């Protein structure tokens, strides 16, 4: 039992360290690789907690598909060619303020809820199975699932429109479409 807690603690430290590495890395590709490490380590934590289906979904969806999309966008936008410096000056202070608010909430949570012991219930045999996850996803969490899908579609369309840039304007000129025309 002690070895399980030790392994869980080590992987928890790797999750925290890879998250910090992702946030503090100045290179976007290295940041994405730290995120891959984070996703893979979280999947191992899911395995330790007895949820193999969620662990495999974590690997295939996040570490696989979404990270390929992230790396594609990083390479497409040429984020590594951006000039050094801080283009968003006010955001650093805003992030510090939000971080302090989050820290205050965490302290208040530990003060008010720290003395309470968590009730540990053993999961049922079907916990984490594909059928149980599907039933929860499409019955109890239908609205968040659909909102997440909508946000992903909007983000994809935004990324496509953002990357079209000057090439789209030159194609419009080639086709003879002017700003006064109805066709866009």
C-alpha atoms as a PDB file:
ATOM      1  CA  UNK A   1       0.000   0.000   0.000  1.00  0.00           C
ATOM      2  CA  UNK A   2       2.852   2.379   0.801  1.00  0.00           C
ATOM      3  CA  UNK A   3       4.469   1.744  -2.575  1.00  0.00           C
ATOM      4  CA  UNK A   4       1.211   2.742  -4.322  1.00  0.00           C
ATOM      5  CA  UNK A   5       1.147   6.038  -2.449  1.00  0.00           C
ATOM      6  CA  UNK A   6       4.808   6.599  -3.259  1.00  0.00           C
ATOM      7  CA  UNK A   7       4.288   5.933  -6.978  1.00  0.00           C
ATOM      8  CA  UNK A   8       1.197   8.144  -6.975  1.00  0.00           C
ATOM      9  CA  UNK A   9       3.180  10.942  -5.284  1.00  0.00           C
ATOM     10  CA  UNK A  10       6.055  10.685  -7.757  1.00  0.00           C
ATOM     11  CA  UNK A  11       3.693  10.828 -10.715  1.00  0.00           C
ATOM     12  CA  UNK A  12       1.853  13.732  -9.076  1.00  0.00           C
ATOM     13  CA  UNK A  13       5.158  15.607  -8.850  1.00  0.00           C
ATOM     14  CA  UNK A  14       5.859  14.846 -12.525  1.00  0.00           C
ATOM     15  CA  UNK A  15       2.400  16.209 -13.430  1.00  0.00           C
ATOM     16  CA  UNK A  16       3.068  19.424 -11.501  1.00  0.00           C
ATOM     17  CA  UNK A  17       6.618  19.799 -12.858  1.00  0.00           C
ATOM     18  CA  UNK A  18       5.556  19.218 -16.470  1.00  0.00           C
ATOM     19  CA  UNK A  19       2.725  21.731 -16.079  1.00  0.00           C
ATOM     20  CA  UNK A  20       5.189  24.307 -14.758  1.00  0.00           C
ATOM     21  CA  UNK A  21       7.608  23.453 -17.558  1.00  0.00           C
ATOM     22  CA  UNK A  22       4.836  23.996 -20.081  1.00  0.00           C
ATOM     23  CA  UNK A  23       3.918  27.366 -18.594  1.00  0.00           C
ATOM     24  CA  UNK A  24       7.483  28.635 -18.160  1.00  0.00           C
ATOM     25  CA  UNK A  25       8.993  27.405 -21.419  1.00  0.00           C
ATOM     26  CA  UNK A  26       9.731  30.178 -23.910  1.00  0.00           C
ATOM     27  CA  UNK A  27       9.756  27.772 -26.858  1.00  0.00           C
ATOM     28  CA  UNK A  28       6.244  26.831 -28.041  1.00  0.00           C
ATOM     29  CA  UNK A  29       7.313  23.387 -29.268  1.00  0.00           C
ATOM     30  CA  UNK A  30       8.958  22.546 -25.927  1.00  0.00           C
ATOM     31  CA  UNK A  31       5.815  23.789 -24.205  1.00  0.00           C
ATOM     32  CA  UNK A  32       3.729  21.399 -26.298  1.00  0.00           C
ATOM     33  CA  UNK A  33       6.087  18.520 -25.464  1.00  0.00           C
ATOM     34  CA  UNK A  34       5.779  19.294 -21.751  1.00  0.00           C
ATOM     35  CA  UNK A  35       2.013  19.156 -22.247  1.00  0.00           C
ATOM     36  CA  UNK A  36       2.330  15.712 -23.863  1.00  0.00           C
ATOM     37  CA  UNK A  37       4.303  14.535 -20.825  1.00  0.00           C
ATOM     38  CA  UNK A  38       1.615  15.982 -18.576  1.00  0.00           C
ATOM     39  CA  UNK A  39      -1.179  14.206 -20.457  1.00  0.00           C
ATOM     40  CA  UNK A  40       0.663  10.884 -20.394  1.00  0.00           C
ATOM     41  CA  UNK A  41       1.397  11.156 -16.682  1.00  0.00           C
ATOM     42  CA  UNK A  42      -2.214  12.011 -15.904  1.00  0.00           C
ATOM     43  CA  UNK A  43      -3.190   8.876 -17.832  1.00  0.00           C
ATOM     44  CA  UNK A  44      -0.891   6.831 -15.568  1.00  0.00           C
ATOM     45  CA  UNK A  45      -2.603   8.400 -12.554  1.00  0.00           C
ATOM     46  CA  UNK A  46      -5.949   7.310 -13.986  1.00  0.00           C
ATOM     47  CA  UNK A  47      -4.584   3.774 -14.279  1.00  0.00           C
ATOM     48  CA  UNK A  48      -3.452   3.837 -10.650  1.00  0.00           C
ATOM     49  CA  UNK A  49      -6.922   5.034  -9.624  1.00  0.00           C
ATOM     50  CA  UNK A  50      -8.533   2.107 -11.451  1.00  0.00           C
ATOM     51  CA  UNK A  51     -10.010   3.842 -14.492  1.00  0.00           C
ATOM     52  CA  UNK A  52      -8.332   2.216 -17.513  1.00  0.00           C
ATOM     53  CA  UNK A  53     -10.909   3.419 -20.043  1.00  0.00           C
ATOM     54  CA  UNK A  54     -10.434   7.055 -19.051  1.00  0.00           C
ATOM     55  CA  UNK A  55      -6.641   6.542 -19.131  1.00  0.00           C
ATOM     56  CA  UNK A  56      -6.793   5.254 -22.711  1.00  0.00           C
ATOM     57  CA  UNK A  57      -9.114   8.083 -23.736  1.00  0.00           C
ATOM     58  CA  UNK A  58      -6.645  10.515 -22.150  1.00  0.00           C
ATOM     59  CA  UNK A  59      -3.816   9.096 -24.273  1.00  0.00           C
ATOM     60  CA  UNK A  60      -5.699   8.805 -27.562  1.00  0.00           C
ATOM     61  CA  UNK A  61      -7.692  12.027 -27.427  1.00  0.00           C
ATOM     62  CA  UNK A  62      -5.414  14.434 -25.604  1.00  0.00           C
ATOM     63  CA  UNK A  63      -1.865  13.162 -26.035  1.00  0.00           C
ATOM     64  CA  UNK A  64      -2.654  11.969 -29.548  1.00  0.00           C
ATOM     65  CA  UNK A  65      -5.207  13.990 -31.453  1.00  0.00           C
ATOM     66  CA  UNK A  66      -5.245  17.319 -29.677  1.00  0.00           C
ATOM     67  CA  UNK A  67      -1.461  17.540 -29.385  1.00  0.00           C
ATOM     68  CA  UNK A  68      -1.091  16.881 -33.113  1.00  0.00           C
ATOM     69  CA  UNK A  69      -3.527  19.755 -33.673  1.00  0.00           C
ATOM     70  CA  UNK A  70      -1.566  21.997 -31.267  1.00  0.00           C
ATOM     71  CA  UNK A  71       1.734  21.239 -32.978  1.00  0.00           C
ATOM     72  CA  UNK A  72       0.139  21.787 -36.395  1.00  0.00           C
ATOM     73  CA  UNK A  73      -1.129  25.206 -35.320  1.00  0.00           C
ATOM     74  CA  UNK A  74       2.235  26.110 -33.754  1.00  0.00           C
ATOM     75  CA  UNK A  75       4.051  25.237 -36.949  1.00  0.00           C
ATOM     76  CA  UNK A  76       1.395  26.832 -39.187  1.00  0.00           C
ATOM     77  CA  UNK A  77       1.396  30.137 -37.351  1.00  0.00           C
ATOM     78  CA  UNK A  78       5.169  30.205 -37.042  1.00  0.00           C
ATOM     79  CA  UNK A  79       5.093  31.004 -33.345  1.00  0.00           C
ATOM     80  CA  UNK A  80       8.820  30.391 -33.090  1.00  0.00           C
ATOM     81  CA  UNK A  81       9.490  33.219 -35.545  1.00  0.00           C
ATOM     82  CA  UNK A  82       7.726  35.840 -33.447  1.00  0.00           C
ATOM     83  CA  UNK A  83       9.894  38.667 -32.127  1.00  0.00           C
ATOM     84  CA  UNK A  84      11.083  38.328 -28.533  1.00  0.00           C
ATOM     85  CA  UNK A  85       9.461  40.401 -25.866  1.00  0.00           C
ATOM     86  CA  UNK A  86       6.103  40.596 -24.217  1.00  0.00           C
ATOM     87  CA  UNK A  87       3.413  41.569 -26.724  1.00  0.00           C
ATOM     88  CA  UNK A  88       0.644  41.533 -24.119  1.00  0.00           C
ATOM     89  CA  UNK A  89       1.912  43.842 -21.392  1.00  0.00           C
ATOM     90  CA  UNK A  90      -1.202  44.089 -19.233  1.00  0.00           C
ATOM     91  CA  UNK A  91      -1.903  40.370 -19.212  1.00  0.00           C
ATOM     92  CA  UNK A  92       1.005  39.569 -16.881  1.00  0.00           C
ATOM     93  CA  UNK A  93      -0.468  41.717 -14.111  1.00  0.00           C
ATOM     94  CA  UNK A  94      -3.928  40.336 -14.750  1.00  0.00           C
ATOM     95  CA  UNK A  95      -2.555  36.801 -14.454  1.00  0.00           C
ATOM     96  CA  UNK A  96      -0.859  37.687 -11.169  1.00  0.00           C
ATOM     97  CA  UNK A  97      -4.114  39.104  -9.792  1.00  0.00           C
ATOM     98  CA  UNK A  98      -6.064  35.996 -10.844  1.00  0.00           C
ATOM     99  CA  UNK A  99      -3.344  33.787  -9.367  1.00  0.00           C
ATOM    100  CA  UNK A 100      -3.585  35.612  -6.039  1.00  0.00           C
ATOM    101  CA  UNK A 101      -7.384  35.297  -6.072  1.00  0.00           C
ATOM    102  CA  UNK A 102      -7.039  31.571  -6.741  1.00  0.00           C
ATOM    103  CA  UNK A 103      -4.502  31.255  -3.908  1.00  0.00           C
ATOM    104  CA  UNK A 104      -6.887  33.076  -1.537  1.00  0.00           C
ATOM    105  CA  UNK A 105      -9.708  30.713  -2.528  1.00  0.00           C
ATOM    106  CA  UNK A 106      -7.438  27.738  -1.905  1.00  0.00           C
ATOM    107  CA  UNK A 107      -6.497  29.027   1.558  1.00  0.00           C
ATOM    108  CA  UNK A 108     -10.148  29.670   2.410  1.00  0.00           C
ATOM    109  CA  UNK A 109     -11.060  26.187   1.210  1.00  0.00           C
ATOM    110  CA  UNK A 110      -8.353  24.631   3.378  1.00  0.00           C
ATOM    111  CA  UNK A 111      -9.454  26.677   6.380  1.00  0.00           C
ATOM    112  CA  UNK A 112     -13.163  25.868   6.090  1.00  0.00           C
ATOM    113  CA  UNK A 113     -13.001  22.339   4.653  1.00  0.00           C
ATOM    114  CA  UNK A 114      -9.570  21.180   5.798  1.00  0.00           C
ATOM    115  CA  UNK A 115     -10.813  19.570   8.988  1.00  0.00           C
ATOM    116  CA  UNK A 116     -13.397  17.428   7.245  1.00  0.00           C
ATOM    117  CA  UNK A 117     -12.399  13.916   6.306  1.00  0.00           C
ATOM    118  CA  UNK A 118     -13.239  12.766   2.839  1.00  0.00           C
ATOM    119  CA  UNK A 119     -15.514   9.767   2.643  1.00  0.00           C
ATOM    120  CA  UNK A 120     -13.874   7.143   0.489  1.00  0.00           C
ATOM    121  CA  UNK A 121     -16.334   4.905  -1.300  1.00  0.00           C
ATOM    122  CA  UNK A 122     -15.113   1.913  -3.221  1.00  0.00           C
ATOM    123  CA  UNK A 123     -16.099   2.258  -6.871  1.00  0.00           C
ATOM    124  CA  UNK A 124     -18.483  -0.252  -8.364  1.00  0.00           C
ATOM    125  CA  UNK A 125     -17.274  -2.881 -10.785  1.00  0.00           C
ATOM    126  CA  UNK A 126     -18.633  -0.957 -13.765  1.00  0.00           C
ATOM    127  CA  UNK A 127     -16.979   2.340 -12.734  1.00  0.00           C
ATOM    128  CA  UNK A 128     -14.947   3.696 -15.626  1.00  0.00           C
ATOM    129  CA  UNK A 129     -16.308   1.213 -18.143  1.00  0.00           C
ATOM    130  CA  UNK A 130     -17.172   2.527 -21.608  1.00  0.00           C
ATOM    131  CA  UNK A 131     -20.876   1.909 -21.034  1.00  0.00           C
ATOM    132  CA  UNK A 132     -20.911   3.772 -17.706  1.00  0.00           C
ATOM    133  CA  UNK A 133     -18.914   6.687 -19.109  1.00  0.00           C
ATOM    134  CA  UNK A 134     -21.208   6.890 -22.162  1.00  0.00           C
ATOM    135  CA  UNK A 135     -24.349   6.839 -20.048  1.00  0.00           C
ATOM    136  CA  UNK A 136     -23.041   9.599 -17.780  1.00  0.00           C
ATOM    137  CA  UNK A 137     -21.826  11.636 -20.746  1.00  0.00           C
ATOM    138  CA  UNK A 138     -25.064  11.502 -22.730  1.00  0.00           C
ATOM    139  CA  UNK A 139     -27.527  11.605 -19.841  1.00  0.00           C
ATOM    140  CA  UNK A 140     -26.151  13.715 -17.014  1.00  0.00           C
ATOM    141  CA  UNK A 141     -23.564  15.807 -18.890  1.00  0.00           C
ATOM    142  CA  UNK A 142     -25.246  16.339 -22.277  1.00  0.00           C
ATOM    143  CA  UNK A 143     -25.226  20.142 -22.154  1.00  0.00           C
ATOM    144  CA  UNK A 144     -21.531  20.525 -21.173  1.00  0.00           C
ATOM    145  CA  UNK A 145     -20.660  17.955 -23.862  1.00  0.00           C
ATOM    146  CA  UNK A 146     -22.505  19.931 -26.540  1.00  0.00           C
ATOM    147  CA  UNK A 147     -21.103  23.278 -25.341  1.00  0.00           C
ATOM    148  CA  UNK A 148     -17.584  21.837 -25.490  1.00  0.00           C
ATOM    149  CA  UNK A 149     -18.196  20.609 -29.026  1.00  0.00           C
ATOM    150  CA  UNK A 150     -19.500  24.036 -30.054  1.00  0.00           C
ATOM    151  CA  UNK A 151     -16.456  25.776 -28.548  1.00  0.00           C
ATOM    152  CA  UNK A 152     -14.117  23.411 -30.397  1.00  0.00           C
ATOM    153  CA  UNK A 153     -15.886  24.065 -33.703  1.00  0.00           C
ATOM    154  CA  UNK A 154     -15.725  27.839 -33.167  1.00  0.00           C
ATOM    155  CA  UNK A 155     -12.018  27.574 -32.270  1.00  0.00           C
ATOM    156  CA  UNK A 156     -11.318  25.527 -35.396  1.00  0.00           C
ATOM    157  CA  UNK A 157     -13.146  27.978 -37.656  1.00  0.00           C
ATOM    158  CA  UNK A 158     -11.342  30.878 -35.956  1.00  0.00           C
ATOM    159  CA  UNK A 159      -7.962  29.218 -36.442  1.00  0.00           C
ATOM    160  CA  UNK A 160      -8.712  28.596 -40.112  1.00  0.00           C
ATOM    161  CA  UNK A 161      -9.830  32.184 -40.683  1.00  0.00           C
ATOM    162  CA  UNK A 162      -6.869  33.511 -38.712  1.00  0.00           C
ATOM    163  CA  UNK A 163      -4.363  31.566 -40.778  1.00  0.00           C
ATOM    164  CA  UNK A 164      -5.916  32.454 -44.147  1.00  0.00           C
ATOM    165  CA  UNK A 165      -4.690  36.036 -43.847  1.00  0.00           C
ATOM    166  CA  UNK A 166      -3.252  37.667 -46.961  1.00  0.00           C
ATOM    167  CA  UNK A 167      -3.703  34.597 -49.160  1.00  0.00           C
ATOM    168  CA  UNK A 168      -7.488  34.918 -48.929  1.00  0.00           C
ATOM    169  CA  UNK A 169      -7.399  38.597 -49.947  1.00  0.00           C
ATOM    170  CA  UNK A 170      -5.210  37.862 -52.968  1.00  0.00           C
ATOM    171  CA  UNK A 171      -7.579  35.066 -54.069  1.00  0.00           C
ATOM    172  CA  UNK A 172     -10.489  37.506 -53.860  1.00  0.00           C
ATOM    173  CA  UNK A 173      -8.598  39.941 -56.118  1.00  0.00           C
ATOM    174  CA  UNK A 174      -7.770  37.133 -58.542  1.00  0.00           C
ATOM    175  CA  UNK A 175     -11.442  36.146 -58.776  1.00  0.00           C
ATOM    176  CA  UNK A 176     -12.461  39.767 -59.307  1.00  0.00           C
ATOM    177  CA  UNK A 177     -14.481  40.058 -56.096  1.00  0.00           C
ATOM    178  CA  UNK A 178     -14.483  43.594 -54.753  1.00  0.00           C
ATOM    179  CA  UNK A 179     -15.742  44.921 -51.449  1.00  0.00           C
ATOM    180  CA  UNK A 180     -18.895  46.213 -53.147  1.00  0.00           C
ATOM    181  CA  UNK A 181     -19.907  42.723 -54.362  1.00  0.00           C
ATOM    182  CA  UNK A 182     -22.364  40.628 -52.421  1.00  0.00           C
ATOM    183  CA  UNK A 183     -20.267  37.431 -52.631  1.00  0.00           C
ATOM    184  CA  UNK A 184     -17.705  36.976 -49.890  1.00  0.00           C
END
